Amino acid sequence: MFDIGFLELCLIAVVSLLVIGPEKLPRVARTVGLWTGKARGMIRTVKYDIDEQVRMEEMKESLQKSADAVKNEFTESIGDAEGAIQDIKQGVNEADSSSEKTESNK
């Protein structure tokens, strides 16, 4: 996040020692450490929430694609079944008409 090297940290420590003083420096460092820890925890929580939302969105899209595929396959199966029923009806009608012709010929 920040590109702070060793020399920058040493400079910050020396300036802090001069400005705050040796008596208050440990308490200030502890407070800064606590706030830094809380900030990291909050950032970690926000990252987790964002990752969770992205994962949920991906799952939603995947589920939608699967539902669409099932719907298309179901529609196709119904069309095939209707075609087969029409073929059977046509075959039955042809058989009926041919049996009527043979009976009328007798």
C-alpha atoms as a PDB file:
ATOM      1  CA  MET A   1       0.000   0.000   0.000  1.00  0.00           C
ATOM      2  CA  PHE A   2       2.595   2.552   1.118  1.00  0.00           C
ATOM      3  CA  ASP A   3       6.161   2.253  -0.035  1.00  0.00           C
ATOM      4  CA  ILE A   4       7.971   3.134   3.174  1.00  0.00           C
ATOM      5  CA  GLY A   5      11.556   1.933   3.519  1.00  0.00           C
ATOM      6  CA  PHE A   6      13.781   1.473   6.530  1.00  0.00           C
ATOM      7  CA  LEU A   7      15.264   4.982   6.328  1.00  0.00           C
ATOM      8  CA  GLU A   8      11.804   6.567   6.280  1.00  0.00           C
ATOM      9  CA  LEU A   9      10.801   4.549   9.354  1.00  0.00           C
ATOM     10  CA  CYS A  10      13.961   5.639  11.185  1.00  0.00           C
ATOM     11  CA  LEU A  11      13.271   9.283  10.307  1.00  0.00           C
ATOM     12  CA  ILE A  12       9.672   8.979  11.566  1.00  0.00           C
ATOM     13  CA  ALA A  13      10.939   7.384  14.807  1.00  0.00           C
ATOM     14  CA  VAL A  14      13.480  10.162  15.439  1.00  0.00           C
ATOM     15  CA  VAL A  15      10.973  12.928  14.712  1.00  0.00           C
ATOM     16  CA  SER A  16       8.391  11.214  16.933  1.00  0.00           C
ATOM     17  CA  LEU A  17      10.908  10.918  19.755  1.00  0.00           C
ATOM     18  CA  LEU A  18      11.761  14.607  19.481  1.00  0.00           C
ATOM     19  CA  VAL A  19       8.162  15.847  19.161  1.00  0.00           C
ATOM     20  CA  ILE A  20       6.366  13.523  21.581  1.00  0.00           C
ATOM     21  CA  GLY A  21       9.130  12.870  24.031  1.00  0.00           C
ATOM     22  CA  PRO A  22      10.481   9.663  25.551  1.00  0.00           C
ATOM     23  CA  GLU A  23       7.821   9.471  28.307  1.00  0.00           C
ATOM     24  CA  LYS A  24       4.758   9.521  26.036  1.00  0.00           C
ATOM     25  CA  LEU A  25       6.271   7.690  23.048  1.00  0.00           C
ATOM     26  CA  PRO A  26       5.449   4.104  24.221  1.00  0.00           C
ATOM     27  CA  ARG A  27       1.817   5.011  24.903  1.00  0.00           C
ATOM     28  CA  VAL A  28       1.495   6.791  21.539  1.00  0.00           C
ATOM     29  CA  ALA A  29       3.141   3.864  19.728  1.00  0.00           C
ATOM     30  CA  ARG A  30       0.732   1.427  21.417  1.00  0.00           C
ATOM     31  CA  THR A  31      -2.247   3.587  20.432  1.00  0.00           C
ATOM     32  CA  VAL A  32      -1.011   3.873  16.849  1.00  0.00           C
ATOM     33  CA  GLY A  33      -0.522   0.100  16.762  1.00  0.00           C
ATOM     34  CA  LEU A  34      -4.063  -0.503  18.027  1.00  0.00           C
ATOM     35  CA  TRP A  35      -5.562   1.859  15.466  1.00  0.00           C
ATOM     36  CA  THR A  36      -3.468   0.278  12.722  1.00  0.00           C
ATOM     37  CA  GLY A  37      -4.724  -3.173  13.759  1.00  0.00           C
ATOM     38  CA  LYS A  38      -8.328  -1.980  13.759  1.00  0.00           C
ATOM     39  CA  ALA A  39      -7.868  -0.398  10.334  1.00  0.00           C
ATOM     40  CA  ARG A  40      -6.395  -3.630   8.958  1.00  0.00           C
ATOM     41  CA  GLY A  41      -9.281  -5.590  10.436  1.00  0.00           C
ATOM     42  CA  MET A  42     -11.799  -3.276   8.834  1.00  0.00           C
ATOM     43  CA  ILE A  43     -10.015  -3.498   5.482  1.00  0.00           C
ATOM     44  CA  ARG A  44      -9.941  -7.298   5.758  1.00  0.00           C
ATOM     45  CA  THR A  45     -13.682  -7.333   6.490  1.00  0.00           C
ATOM     46  CA  VAL A  46     -14.450  -5.071   3.535  1.00  0.00           C
ATOM     47  CA  LYS A  47     -12.298  -7.232   1.241  1.00  0.00           C
ATOM     48  CA  TYR A  48     -14.085 -10.366   2.453  1.00  0.00           C
ATOM     49  CA  ASP A  49     -17.497  -8.766   1.885  1.00  0.00           C
ATOM     50  CA  ILE A  50     -16.546  -7.660  -1.621  1.00  0.00           C
ATOM     51  CA  ASP A  51     -15.168 -11.117  -2.465  1.00  0.00           C
ATOM     52  CA  GLU A  52     -18.338 -12.695  -1.088  1.00  0.00           C
ATOM     53  CA  GLN A  53     -20.527 -10.408  -3.224  1.00  0.00           C
ATOM     54  CA  VAL A  54     -18.478 -11.190  -6.339  1.00  0.00           C
ATOM     55  CA  ARG A  55     -18.695 -14.915  -5.618  1.00  0.00           C
ATOM     56  CA  MET A  56     -22.451 -14.695  -5.075  1.00  0.00           C
ATOM     57  CA  GLU A  57     -22.862 -12.782  -8.349  1.00  0.00           C
ATOM     58  CA  GLU A  58     -20.840 -15.438 -10.197  1.00  0.00           C
ATOM     59  CA  MET A  59     -22.974 -18.168  -8.632  1.00  0.00           C
ATOM     60  CA  LYS A  60     -26.133 -16.301  -9.625  1.00  0.00           C
ATOM     61  CA  GLU A  61     -24.944 -16.016 -13.232  1.00  0.00           C
ATOM     62  CA  SER A  62     -23.970 -19.692 -13.289  1.00  0.00           C
ATOM     63  CA  LEU A  63     -27.344 -20.690 -11.875  1.00  0.00           C
ATOM     64  CA  GLN A  64     -29.127 -18.528 -14.455  1.00  0.00           C
ATOM     65  CA  LYS A  65     -27.136 -20.132 -17.283  1.00  0.00           C
ATOM     66  CA  SER A  66     -27.954 -23.600 -15.953  1.00  0.00           C
ATOM     67  CA  ALA A  67     -31.641 -22.726 -15.651  1.00  0.00           C
ATOM     68  CA  ASP A  68     -31.670 -21.406 -19.215  1.00  0.00           C
ATOM     69  CA  ALA A  69     -29.964 -24.570 -20.486  1.00  0.00           C
ATOM     70  CA  VAL A  70     -32.490 -26.774 -18.668  1.00  0.00           C
ATOM     71  CA  LYS A  71     -35.367 -24.683 -19.996  1.00  0.00           C
ATOM     72  CA  ASN A  72     -34.070 -24.926 -23.567  1.00  0.00           C
ATOM     73  CA  GLU A  73     -33.536 -28.664 -23.272  1.00  0.00           C
ATOM     74  CA  PHE A  74     -36.994 -29.132 -21.766  1.00  0.00           C
ATOM     75  CA  THR A  75     -38.585 -27.088 -24.557  1.00  0.00           C
ATOM     76  CA  GLU A  76     -36.681 -29.117 -27.135  1.00  0.00           C
ATOM     77  CA  SER A  77     -37.808 -32.373 -25.497  1.00  0.00           C
ATOM     78  CA  ILE A  78     -41.417 -31.213 -25.507  1.00  0.00           C
ATOM     79  CA  GLY A  79     -41.105 -30.343 -29.201  1.00  0.00           C
ATOM     80  CA  ASP A  80     -39.651 -33.787 -29.929  1.00  0.00           C
ATOM     81  CA  ALA A  81     -42.447 -35.454 -27.947  1.00  0.00           C
ATOM     82  CA  GLU A  82     -45.103 -33.434 -29.792  1.00  0.00           C
ATOM     83  CA  GLY A  83     -43.521 -34.435 -33.102  1.00  0.00           C
ATOM     84  CA  ALA A  84     -43.552 -38.078 -32.077  1.00  0.00           C
ATOM     85  CA  ILE A  85     -47.213 -37.805 -31.028  1.00  0.00           C
ATOM     86  CA  GLN A  86     -48.075 -36.245 -34.386  1.00  0.00           C
ATOM     87  CA  ASP A  87     -46.246 -39.072 -36.179  1.00  0.00           C
ATOM     88  CA  ILE A  88     -48.164 -41.657 -34.135  1.00  0.00           C
ATOM     89  CA  LYS A  89     -51.486 -39.922 -34.836  1.00  0.00           C
ATOM     90  CA  GLN A  90     -50.661 -39.787 -38.531  1.00  0.00           C
ATOM     91  CA  GLY A  91     -49.722 -43.469 -38.504  1.00  0.00           C
ATOM     92  CA  VAL A  92     -52.960 -44.368 -36.703  1.00  0.00           C
ATOM     93  CA  ASN A  93     -55.003 -42.294 -39.152  1.00  0.00           C
ATOM     94  CA  GLU A  94     -53.260 -43.932 -42.120  1.00  0.00           C
ATOM     95  CA  ALA A  95     -53.852 -47.374 -40.610  1.00  0.00           C
ATOM     96  CA  ASP A  96     -57.526 -46.558 -40.040  1.00  0.00           C
ATOM     97  CA  SER A  97     -57.971 -45.279 -43.593  1.00  0.00           C
ATOM     98  CA  SER A  98     -56.190 -48.299 -45.093  1.00  0.00           C
ATOM     99  CA  SER A  99     -58.267 -50.716 -42.970  1.00  0.00           C
ATOM    100  CA  GLU A 100     -61.454 -48.932 -44.080  1.00  0.00           C
ATOM    101  CA  LYS A 101     -60.376 -49.306 -47.726  1.00  0.00           C
ATOM    102  CA  THR A 102     -59.700 -53.015 -47.307  1.00  0.00           C
ATOM    103  CA  GLU A 103     -63.073 -53.537 -45.569  1.00  0.00           C
ATOM    104  CA  SER A 104     -64.922 -51.621 -48.288  1.00  0.00           C
ATOM    105  CA  ASN A 105     -63.213 -53.731 -50.970  1.00  0.00           C
ATOM    106  CA  LYS A 106     -64.637 -56.936 -49.468  1.00  0.00           C
END
